[in-house]
Amino acid sequence: MIEMTLEIAEKIALAAHAKAKELNKPMSVSVVDESGRLVYFSRADNAGFFTFDTSRAKAMAAASFKRSTMEITEHKDSNPLLWYSLPSVVPAQALPSPGGFPVVRNDRVIGGVGIGGGTPQEDHDCAIAGAEAVQ
């Protein structure tokens, strides 16, 4: 059952944007449901135009793999064949780059949040802020 609602997704995005504002970084935020369908997207003024695509792909990766994209990035060398093959299997759908975090409620992944526009650590921190807003 899909649990991600517009209300939940908006709450996630607002929390992520609040963290981005603390960092003084214009960022884009994408929230997907557990199946990777986009539920919410918002782009701060002056955020880069590619941040839509990167934030969505990070959210999809986090939801699909049920872990942060920071963790995925740190462990990608343990399964290089997967990461070399992924672009041909799901082109432009999953980006294993820091800035994606699964959204968990009641011990179940209900979606993912992805951030684009900052450094890898800034994107990661904003994604955590968004995901934690609904736990």
Protein backbone atom coordinates (compact mmCIF):
# COMPACT_ATOMS: atom_id res chain seq x y z
CA MET A 1 0.00 0.00 0.00
CA ILE A 2 1.36 3.40 -0.97
CA GLU A 3 1.63 5.54 2.16
CA MET A 4 3.43 8.59 0.78
CA THR A 5 0.93 11.43 0.53
CA LEU A 6 1.26 14.95 -0.78
CA GLU A 7 1.01 16.21 2.80
CA ILE A 8 3.89 13.99 3.97
CA ALA A 9 5.99 14.84 0.92
CA GLU A 10 5.48 18.56 1.41
CA LYS A 11 6.51 18.29 5.07
CA ILE A 12 9.70 16.49 4.01
CA ALA A 13 10.50 19.13 1.39
CA LEU A 14 9.91 22.04 3.76
CA ALA A 15 12.26 20.52 6.35
CA ALA A 16 14.93 19.88 3.71
CA HIS A 17 14.63 23.44 2.37
CA ALA A 18 14.86 24.81 5.92
CA LYS A 19 18.17 22.98 6.38
CA ALA A 20 19.36 24.23 2.98
CA LYS A 21 18.50 27.78 4.03
CA GLU A 22 20.62 27.33 7.19
CA LEU A 23 23.49 26.33 4.89
CA ASN A 24 22.73 29.28 2.58
CA LYS A 25 22.47 26.95 -0.42
CA PRO A 26 19.72 27.02 -3.04
CA MET A 27 18.68 23.41 -3.53
CA SER A 28 16.08 21.27 -5.22
CA VAL A 29 14.12 18.62 -3.33
CA SER A 30 12.40 15.58 -4.81
CA VAL A 31 10.21 13.19 -2.87
CA VAL A 32 9.17 9.85 -4.35
CA ASP A 33 6.89 7.12 -3.07
CA GLU A 34 8.05 3.57 -2.38
CA SER A 35 7.69 2.73 -6.09
CA GLY A 36 9.85 5.65 -7.18
CA ARG A 37 7.01 7.79 -8.52
CA LEU A 38 7.54 11.50 -8.03
CA VAL A 39 5.13 12.90 -5.46
CA TYR A 40 6.66 16.33 -4.82
CA PHE A 41 9.34 18.53 -6.30
CA SER A 42 10.46 22.00 -5.34
CA ARG A 43 13.35 24.11 -6.55
CA ALA A 44 14.71 27.02 -4.55
CA ASP A 45 15.38 30.28 -6.33
CA ASN A 46 18.79 30.14 -8.03
CA ALA A 47 19.17 26.36 -7.69
CA GLY A 48 20.88 24.81 -10.70
CA PHE A 49 18.68 23.52 -13.50
CA PHE A 50 20.15 19.99 -13.39
CA THR A 51 19.21 19.73 -9.72
CA PHE A 52 15.73 18.52 -10.68
CA ASP A 53 17.17 15.45 -12.40
CA THR A 54 19.82 14.72 -9.79
CA SER A 55 17.52 15.17 -6.81
CA ARG A 56 14.89 12.87 -8.32
CA ALA A 57 17.44 10.17 -9.19
CA LYS A 58 18.90 10.30 -5.67
CA ALA A 59 15.42 9.96 -4.16
CA MET A 60 14.71 6.98 -6.40
CA ALA A 61 17.99 5.28 -5.47
CA ALA A 62 17.34 5.77 -1.75
CA ALA A 63 13.80 4.40 -2.01
CA SER A 64 14.82 1.47 -4.20
CA PHE A 65 17.86 0.36 -2.23
CA LYS A 66 16.30 1.32 1.12
CA ARG A 67 19.41 3.12 2.31
CA SER A 68 21.06 6.48 2.02
CA THR A 69 22.91 7.22 -1.16
CA MET A 70 25.88 8.22 1.01
CA GLU A 71 25.98 4.62 2.25
CA ILE A 72 25.52 3.32 -1.29
CA THR A 73 28.42 5.48 -2.48
CA GLU A 74 30.66 4.28 0.34
CA HIS A 75 30.00 0.62 -0.55
CA LYS A 76 29.77 0.76 -4.35
CA ASP A 77 33.23 -0.77 -4.80
CA SER A 78 32.02 -4.02 -3.20
CA ASN A 79 29.73 -4.62 -6.21
CA PRO A 80 31.19 -2.71 -9.16
CA LEU A 81 29.32 -4.75 -11.77
CA LEU A 82 25.99 -3.47 -10.43
CA TRP A 83 27.11 0.17 -10.61
CA TYR A 84 28.61 -0.20 -14.09
CA SER A 85 25.41 -1.90 -15.32
CA LEU A 86 22.83 0.28 -13.60
CA PRO A 87 22.81 3.12 -16.18
CA SER A 88 21.97 0.71 -18.99
CA VAL A 89 19.25 -1.06 -17.00
CA VAL A 90 17.53 2.01 -15.55
CA PRO A 91 18.89 5.00 -17.50
CA ALA A 92 18.59 8.30 -15.64
CA GLN A 93 16.54 6.68 -12.88
CA ALA A 94 18.91 6.07 -9.95
CA LEU A 95 21.91 8.14 -8.94
CA PRO A 96 24.12 6.62 -6.24
CA SER A 97 25.51 9.99 -5.19
CA PRO A 98 25.19 11.52 -1.70
CA GLY A 99 21.95 13.41 -1.15
CA GLY A 100 19.30 10.69 -1.10
CA PHE A 101 17.71 9.21 1.99
CA PRO A 102 14.90 6.69 2.48
CA VAL A 103 11.75 7.89 4.20
CA VAL A 104 10.75 5.46 6.93
CA ARG A 105 7.53 5.30 8.94
CA ASN A 106 6.63 2.49 11.32
CA ASP A 107 9.82 0.62 10.36
CA ARG A 108 8.84 0.58 6.68
CA VAL A 109 10.31 2.51 3.76
CA ILE A 110 7.50 4.58 2.26
CA GLY A 111 9.62 6.55 -0.19
CA GLY A 112 12.76 8.57 -0.64
CA VAL A 113 13.94 12.16 -0.56
CA GLY A 114 16.66 13.47 -2.85
CA ILE A 115 18.53 16.75 -2.74
CA GLY A 116 20.57 18.53 -5.39
CA GLY A 117 22.48 21.77 -5.27
CA GLY A 118 25.09 21.56 -2.54
CA THR A 119 28.20 19.60 -1.76
CA PRO A 120 27.76 15.87 -1.20
CA GLN A 121 27.71 16.39 2.58
CA GLU A 122 25.28 19.33 2.37
CA ASP A 123 22.92 17.36 0.14
CA HIS A 124 23.13 14.41 2.55
CA ASP A 125 22.44 16.59 5.60
CA CYS A 126 19.40 18.19 3.94
CA ALA A 127 18.05 14.77 2.92
CA ILE A 128 18.35 13.56 6.51
CA ALA A 129 16.54 16.68 7.75
CA GLY A 130 13.73 16.00 5.32
CA ALA A 131 13.41 12.32 6.15
CA GLU A 132 13.50 12.95 9.89
CA ALA A 133 10.61 15.41 9.62
CA VAL A 134 8.13 12.53 9.33
CA GLN A 135 9.61 9.85 11.56
